[in-house]
Every structure is written in C-alpha cells, then in structure tokens.
Amino acid sequence: MEVFGLPLENLLLVSDLDGTLLDDDHDISAKNKEAIQRFEGQGGHFTFATGRMETSTTPYIEELDIQLPVIVYNGAGLYDPQEDRLTWKRELTDYQDILGELMTYLARYDLSIQIYQDGQPYYAGSKAIVEEADFKERVTSLPLDQADLSRPTTKILMIANQLEVLHEIEEMVADSGYPCATIYS
C-alpha cells in the first residue's frame, strides 16, 4: 500500500497524546488503536510526541507496543522504550533566578509551578491544580522544597486556570532575557 506515492514502510506517523490520540478520559479509543495497528501491520511506523514526561507515557507505550523512541517534555527529551531511558535531553541550567521570579506569582494568583528533574515532577503553589494535572498524567508531584535546585531541570511548567495570567508570566520571562520556548496546551 502507498500513501502520497510512498510505501508505508517509508512513513512515520507521529501523534500528540492529549487532545489528539487520547479521549476525554485519557484513554486510547479502540478505533484509534485499531487504526494504528492496521497502519503498522501494513508496514508503517508509529510513535508519539507529547509534553508529558517519560513515566507518564509508559502505559500508552505498553498498550500500543511502541518500539520507536517517543518525544517527551515538549521536545526537550527523546525516550527510548527499548532501553527504558532518555537517549537525549535538553536541560535548563542557571534557571534559579527565573524560578524565583516565577515564585512571586504564587502570592498573587491561583496557579502551580512544576519543575521536572530526572523523571520526577516537583511543585509549588496550588495543590488542587497540581493534583488535577498529576491525575491526568498518572504521576505524583512532590513539594518543590524536596527538589535539588542546584541541578538542571528538564522543564518548568506553569499551570493556571486564567490564560491572561500565563500571558503575563510569558511576558515577564521574555523581558528577562532567559532563553526558553513557551508552549501552551
């Protein structure tokens, strides 16, 4: 079989998880699973890209029997399920000043800050917001004071219910000159 004039064995299909492959209950529908199996059965290759961390992707990797690396942390990591490790990652260093600036928003707004170090999320701020995110991603965030802030982090995540708060924070980060990418999801 060919798609766009190419045999399927030359095609790689990469899907997002949340809001694309997963349904509202954070499950892969039978219809999606069957389509992926049919695609792979005809020679295609499938994996996914997500903002999630590697441990949060493991149930889906196992369910779909993913053999290829998976893009995690919004592109800041490449997880190889065959080796059960990140084979590539881009970490943030010297982030302590910007994290300090972000922490000042906790006193003014109902939000949560998460940082990710070695597959473990840590949080400060709204416990209710972070518990909702943890439930969705099937992880358990620890209090930020348990993180070693002298070590690099893979991702800093701001979670707020008001988009305008996130825009204000994004502007502050941009004005700070700290090199980063802002992703909304």
C-alpha atoms as a PDB file:
ATOM      1  CA  MET A   1       0.000   0.000   0.000  1.00  0.00           C
ATOM      2  CA  GLU A   2       1.160   3.544  -0.727  1.00  0.00           C
ATOM      3  CA  VAL A   3       0.316   6.917   0.769  1.00  0.00           C
ATOM      4  CA  PHE A   4       1.365  10.071  -1.065  1.00  0.00           C
ATOM      5  CA  GLY A   5       3.160   7.804  -3.515  1.00  0.00           C
ATOM      6  CA  LEU A   6       5.324   6.287  -0.771  1.00  0.00           C
ATOM      7  CA  PRO A   7       5.214   2.733   0.524  1.00  0.00           C
ATOM      8  CA  LEU A   8       4.042   2.609   4.152  1.00  0.00           C
ATOM      9  CA  GLU A   9       7.374   1.218   5.332  1.00  0.00           C
ATOM     10  CA  ASN A  10       8.827   4.647   4.442  1.00  0.00           C
ATOM     11  CA  LEU A  11       6.266   6.537   6.531  1.00  0.00           C
ATOM     12  CA  LEU A  12       6.493   7.581  10.146  1.00  0.00           C
ATOM     13  CA  LEU A  13       3.297   8.770  11.808  1.00  0.00           C
ATOM     14  CA  VAL A  14       3.804  10.855  14.954  1.00  0.00           C
ATOM     15  CA  SER A  15       0.754  11.809  17.017  1.00  0.00           C
ATOM     16  CA  ASP A  16       0.224  14.049  20.018  1.00  0.00           C
ATOM     17  CA  LEU A  17      -1.376  12.368  23.040  1.00  0.00           C
ATOM     18  CA  ASP A  18      -3.627  14.792  24.923  1.00  0.00           C
ATOM     19  CA  GLY A  19      -6.483  16.106  22.842  1.00  0.00           C
ATOM     20  CA  THR A  20      -5.474  14.011  19.818  1.00  0.00           C
ATOM     21  CA  LEU A  21      -4.800  10.316  20.406  1.00  0.00           C
ATOM     22  CA  LEU A  22      -6.366  10.224  23.884  1.00  0.00           C
ATOM     23  CA  ASP A  23     -10.054  10.708  24.574  1.00  0.00           C
ATOM     24  CA  ASP A  24     -11.545  12.832  27.364  1.00  0.00           C
ATOM     25  CA  ASP A  25     -10.885  10.023  29.864  1.00  0.00           C
ATOM     26  CA  HIS A  26      -7.182   9.952  28.840  1.00  0.00           C
ATOM     27  CA  ASP A  27      -7.598   6.570  27.170  1.00  0.00           C
ATOM     28  CA  ILE A  28      -6.793   5.416  23.648  1.00  0.00           C
ATOM     29  CA  SER A  29     -10.052   4.588  21.900  1.00  0.00           C
ATOM     30  CA  ALA A  30     -10.484   1.168  20.311  1.00  0.00           C
ATOM     31  CA  LYS A  31     -10.914   2.913  16.952  1.00  0.00           C
ATOM     32  CA  ASN A  32      -7.555   4.725  17.254  1.00  0.00           C
ATOM     33  CA  LYS A  33      -5.789   1.608  18.497  1.00  0.00           C
ATOM     34  CA  GLU A  34      -7.153  -0.452  15.591  1.00  0.00           C
ATOM     35  CA  ALA A  35      -6.121   2.225  13.062  1.00  0.00           C
ATOM     36  CA  ILE A  36      -2.570   2.308  14.448  1.00  0.00           C
ATOM     37  CA  GLN A  37      -2.339  -1.493  14.403  1.00  0.00           C
ATOM     38  CA  ARG A  38      -3.628  -1.559  10.818  1.00  0.00           C
ATOM     39  CA  PHE A  39      -1.109   1.133   9.780  1.00  0.00           C
ATOM     40  CA  GLU A  40       1.777  -0.736  11.403  1.00  0.00           C
ATOM     41  CA  GLY A  41       0.524  -4.060  10.066  1.00  0.00           C
ATOM     42  CA  GLN A  42       0.881  -2.640   6.572  1.00  0.00           C
ATOM     43  CA  GLY A  43       4.464  -1.565   7.251  1.00  0.00           C
ATOM     44  CA  GLY A  44       4.029   1.948   8.685  1.00  0.00           C
ATOM     45  CA  HIS A  45       5.888   3.204  11.742  1.00  0.00           C
ATOM     46  CA  PHE A  46       4.147   4.919  14.663  1.00  0.00           C
ATOM     47  CA  THR A  47       5.193   6.861  17.736  1.00  0.00           C
ATOM     48  CA  PHE A  48       4.019   9.950  19.584  1.00  0.00           C
ATOM     49  CA  ALA A  49       5.199  13.345  20.764  1.00  0.00           C
ATOM     50  CA  THR A  50       3.934  14.849  23.994  1.00  0.00           C
ATOM     51  CA  GLY A  51       4.581  17.390  26.692  1.00  0.00           C
ATOM     52  CA  ARG A  52       4.402  14.577  29.214  1.00  0.00           C
ATOM     53  CA  MET A  53       7.387  13.052  30.972  1.00  0.00           C
ATOM     54  CA  GLU A  54       8.607   9.562  30.170  1.00  0.00           C
ATOM     55  CA  THR A  55       6.947   7.758  33.095  1.00  0.00           C
ATOM     56  CA  SER A  56       3.602   9.300  32.153  1.00  0.00           C
ATOM     57  CA  THR A  57       3.878   7.823  28.650  1.00  0.00           C
ATOM     58  CA  THR A  58       4.734   4.261  29.712  1.00  0.00           C
ATOM     59  CA  PRO A  59       1.124   2.963  29.897  1.00  0.00           C
ATOM     60  CA  TYR A  60       0.458   4.160  26.344  1.00  0.00           C
ATOM     61  CA  ILE A  61       3.778   2.809  25.072  1.00  0.00           C
ATOM     62  CA  GLU A  62       2.890  -0.587  26.526  1.00  0.00           C
ATOM     63  CA  GLU A  63      -0.706  -0.503  25.280  1.00  0.00           C
ATOM     64  CA  LEU A  64       0.379   0.261  21.714  1.00  0.00           C
ATOM     65  CA  ASP A  65       3.612  -1.768  21.892  1.00  0.00           C
ATOM     66  CA  ILE A  66       5.604   1.263  20.731  1.00  0.00           C
ATOM     67  CA  GLN A  67       9.068   0.214  19.590  1.00  0.00           C
ATOM     68  CA  LEU A  68      10.325   3.600  18.384  1.00  0.00           C
ATOM     69  CA  PRO A  69      11.597   6.471  20.529  1.00  0.00           C
ATOM     70  CA  VAL A  70       8.947   8.838  21.904  1.00  0.00           C
ATOM     71  CA  ILE A  71       9.320  12.617  22.027  1.00  0.00           C
ATOM     72  CA  VAL A  72       8.663  13.832  25.597  1.00  0.00           C
ATOM     73  CA  TYR A  73       8.817  17.094  27.581  1.00  0.00           C
ATOM     74  CA  ASN A  74       7.511  19.120  24.601  1.00  0.00           C
ATOM     75  CA  GLY A  75      10.570  18.137  22.596  1.00  0.00           C
ATOM     76  CA  ALA A  76      13.146  18.503  25.376  1.00  0.00           C
ATOM     77  CA  GLY A  77      13.634  14.734  25.581  1.00  0.00           C
ATOM     78  CA  LEU A  78      13.708  11.590  23.482  1.00  0.00           C
ATOM     79  CA  TYR A  79      12.691   8.456  25.386  1.00  0.00           C
ATOM     80  CA  ASP A  80      13.659   5.028  24.060  1.00  0.00           C
ATOM     81  CA  PRO A  81      11.226   2.405  25.402  1.00  0.00           C
ATOM     82  CA  GLN A  82      13.566  -0.402  24.326  1.00  0.00           C
ATOM     83  CA  GLU A  83      16.341   0.949  26.569  1.00  0.00           C
ATOM     84  CA  ASP A  84      13.921   2.439  29.147  1.00  0.00           C
ATOM     85  CA  ARG A  85      15.839   5.705  29.263  1.00  0.00           C
ATOM     86  CA  LEU A  86      16.094   9.162  27.809  1.00  0.00           C
ATOM     87  CA  THR A  87      18.591   8.874  24.977  1.00  0.00           C
ATOM     88  CA  TRP A  88      18.649  12.647  24.503  1.00  0.00           C
ATOM     89  CA  LYS A  89      17.520  15.575  26.610  1.00  0.00           C
ATOM     90  CA  ARG A  90      17.953  19.296  26.727  1.00  0.00           C
ATOM     91  CA  GLU A  91      18.082  20.634  30.239  1.00  0.00           C
ATOM     92  CA  LEU A  92      17.702  24.079  31.721  1.00  0.00           C
ATOM     93  CA  THR A  93      20.661  25.285  33.765  1.00  0.00           C
ATOM     94  CA  ASP A  94      21.001  28.519  35.674  1.00  0.00           C
ATOM     95  CA  TYR A  95      17.209  28.672  35.972  1.00  0.00           C
ATOM     96  CA  GLN A  96      17.148  29.527  39.675  1.00  0.00           C
ATOM     97  CA  ASP A  97      16.714  33.296  39.168  1.00  0.00           C
ATOM     98  CA  ILE A  98      13.828  32.904  36.736  1.00  0.00           C
ATOM     99  CA  LEU A  99      12.255  30.295  39.035  1.00  0.00           C
ATOM    100  CA  GLY A 100      12.487  32.828  41.863  1.00  0.00           C
ATOM    101  CA  GLU A 101      10.694  35.379  39.687  1.00  0.00           C
ATOM    102  CA  LEU A 102       8.014  32.811  38.814  1.00  0.00           C
ATOM    103  CA  MET A 103       7.509  32.029  42.504  1.00  0.00           C
ATOM    104  CA  THR A 104       6.455  35.654  43.146  1.00  0.00           C
ATOM    105  CA  TYR A 105       3.309  34.972  41.100  1.00  0.00           C
ATOM    106  CA  LEU A 106       2.158  32.351  43.609  1.00  0.00           C
ATOM    107  CA  ALA A 107       1.235  35.055  46.124  1.00  0.00           C
ATOM    108  CA  ARG A 108      -0.904  36.894  43.560  1.00  0.00           C
ATOM    109  CA  TYR A 109      -2.602  34.145  41.566  1.00  0.00           C
ATOM    110  CA  ASP A 110      -4.087  30.687  41.948  1.00  0.00           C
ATOM    111  CA  LEU A 111      -1.544  28.688  39.982  1.00  0.00           C
ATOM    112  CA  SER A 112       1.034  25.965  40.224  1.00  0.00           C
ATOM    113  CA  ILE A 113       4.668  25.776  39.174  1.00  0.00           C
ATOM    114  CA  GLN A 114       6.203  22.414  38.374  1.00  0.00           C
ATOM    115  CA  ILE A 115       9.788  21.563  37.582  1.00  0.00           C
ATOM    116  CA  TYR A 116      10.926  18.200  36.257  1.00  0.00           C
ATOM    117  CA  GLN A 117      14.191  16.583  37.295  1.00  0.00           C
ATOM    118  CA  ASP A 118      15.170  13.047  36.295  1.00  0.00           C
ATOM    119  CA  GLY A 119      11.603  11.920  35.693  1.00  0.00           C
ATOM    120  CA  GLN A 120      10.204  13.410  38.907  1.00  0.00           C
ATOM    121  CA  PRO A 121       7.898  16.447  38.975  1.00  0.00           C
ATOM    122  CA  TYR A 122       8.106  18.889  41.879  1.00  0.00           C
ATOM    123  CA  TYR A 123       5.585  21.645  42.552  1.00  0.00           C
ATOM    124  CA  ALA A 124       4.864  24.832  44.410  1.00  0.00           C
ATOM    125  CA  GLY A 125       1.563  26.658  44.579  1.00  0.00           C
ATOM    126  CA  SER A 126      -1.966  25.361  44.238  1.00  0.00           C
ATOM    127  CA  LYS A 127      -2.156  21.756  45.370  1.00  0.00           C
ATOM    128  CA  ALA A 128      -5.600  21.376  43.757  1.00  0.00           C
ATOM    129  CA  ILE A 129      -4.268  22.428  40.345  1.00  0.00           C
ATOM    130  CA  VAL A 130      -1.261  20.134  40.536  1.00  0.00           C
ATOM    131  CA  GLU A 131      -3.366  17.193  41.747  1.00  0.00           C
ATOM    132  CA  GLU A 132      -5.582  17.558  38.677  1.00  0.00           C
ATOM    133  CA  ALA A 133      -2.503  17.554  36.415  1.00  0.00           C
ATOM    134  CA  ASP A 134      -0.997  14.601  38.301  1.00  0.00           C
ATOM    135  CA  PHE A 135      -4.214  12.604  37.910  1.00  0.00           C
ATOM    136  CA  LYS A 136      -4.305  13.245  34.176  1.00  0.00           C
ATOM    137  CA  GLU A 137      -0.656  12.300  33.730  1.00  0.00           C
ATOM    138  CA  ARG A 138      -0.696   9.454  36.266  1.00  0.00           C
ATOM    139  CA  VAL A 139       2.241  10.832  38.263  1.00  0.00           C
ATOM    140  CA  THR A 140       2.795  12.171  41.773  1.00  0.00           C
ATOM    141  CA  SER A 141       4.429  15.568  42.154  1.00  0.00           C
ATOM    142  CA  LEU A 142       6.489  16.196  45.262  1.00  0.00           C
ATOM    143  CA  PRO A 143       6.778  19.550  47.051  1.00  0.00           C
ATOM    144  CA  LEU A 144       9.348  21.832  45.422  1.00  0.00           C
ATOM    145  CA  ASP A 145      11.371  22.042  48.636  1.00  0.00           C
ATOM    146  CA  GLN A 146      12.338  18.385  48.053  1.00  0.00           C
ATOM    147  CA  ALA A 147      13.981  19.184  44.697  1.00  0.00           C
ATOM    148  CA  ASP A 148      17.690  19.864  44.355  1.00  0.00           C
ATOM    149  CA  LEU A 149      17.562  23.264  42.703  1.00  0.00           C
ATOM    150  CA  SER A 150      21.319  23.245  42.125  1.00  0.00           C
ATOM    151  CA  ARG A 151      20.803  20.537  39.495  1.00  0.00           C
ATOM    152  CA  PRO A 152      19.491  21.065  35.949  1.00  0.00           C
ATOM    153  CA  THR A 153      15.798  20.693  35.209  1.00  0.00           C
ATOM    154  CA  THR A 154      14.186  19.400  32.047  1.00  0.00           C
ATOM    155  CA  LYS A 155      11.058  21.522  32.112  1.00  0.00           C
ATOM    156  CA  ILE A 156       9.355  24.307  34.046  1.00  0.00           C
ATOM    157  CA  LEU A 157       5.582  24.189  33.795  1.00  0.00           C
ATOM    158  CA  MET A 158       3.148  26.887  34.864  1.00  0.00           C
ATOM    159  CA  ILE A 159      -0.458  25.767  35.333  1.00  0.00           C
ATOM    160  CA  ALA A 160      -3.199  28.349  35.790  1.00  0.00           C
ATOM    161  CA  ASN A 161      -6.903  28.492  35.089  1.00  0.00           C
ATOM    162  CA  GLN A 162      -6.677  32.037  33.700  1.00  0.00           C
ATOM    163  CA  LEU A 163      -4.967  32.432  30.334  1.00  0.00           C
ATOM    164  CA  GLU A 164      -4.226  36.110  30.966  1.00  0.00           C
ATOM    165  CA  VAL A 165      -2.088  35.139  33.983  1.00  0.00           C
ATOM    166  CA  LEU A 166       0.000  32.853  31.778  1.00  0.00           C
ATOM    167  CA  HIS A 167       0.363  35.642  29.196  1.00  0.00           C
ATOM    168  CA  GLU A 168       1.601  37.992  31.939  1.00  0.00           C
ATOM    169  CA  ILE A 169       4.129  35.382  33.073  1.00  0.00           C
ATOM    170  CA  GLU A 170       5.233  34.737  29.484  1.00  0.00           C
ATOM    171  CA  GLU A 171       5.873  38.473  29.015  1.00  0.00           C
ATOM    172  CA  MET A 172       7.930  38.603  32.217  1.00  0.00           C
ATOM    173  CA  VAL A 173      10.043  35.636  31.097  1.00  0.00           C
ATOM    174  CA  ALA A 174      10.576  37.162  27.643  1.00  0.00           C
ATOM    175  CA  ASP A 175      11.581  40.502  29.207  1.00  0.00           C
ATOM    176  CA  SER A 176      14.038  38.696  31.498  1.00  0.00           C
ATOM    177  CA  GLY A 177      16.059  37.508  28.534  1.00  0.00           C
ATOM    178  CA  TYR A 178      16.039  33.933  29.790  1.00  0.00           C
ATOM    179  CA  PRO A 179      16.284  31.705  26.704  1.00  0.00           C
ATOM    180  CA  CYS A 180      13.272  29.448  26.556  1.00  0.00           C
ATOM    181  CA  ALA A 181      10.325  28.316  24.473  1.00  0.00           C
ATOM    182  CA  THR A 182       6.776  28.908  25.644  1.00  0.00           C
ATOM    183  CA  ILE A 183       4.210  26.254  24.772  1.00  0.00           C
ATOM    184  CA  TYR A 184       0.500  26.404  25.592  1.00  0.00           C
ATOM    185  CA  SER A 185      -1.533  23.230  25.845  1.00  0.00           C
END
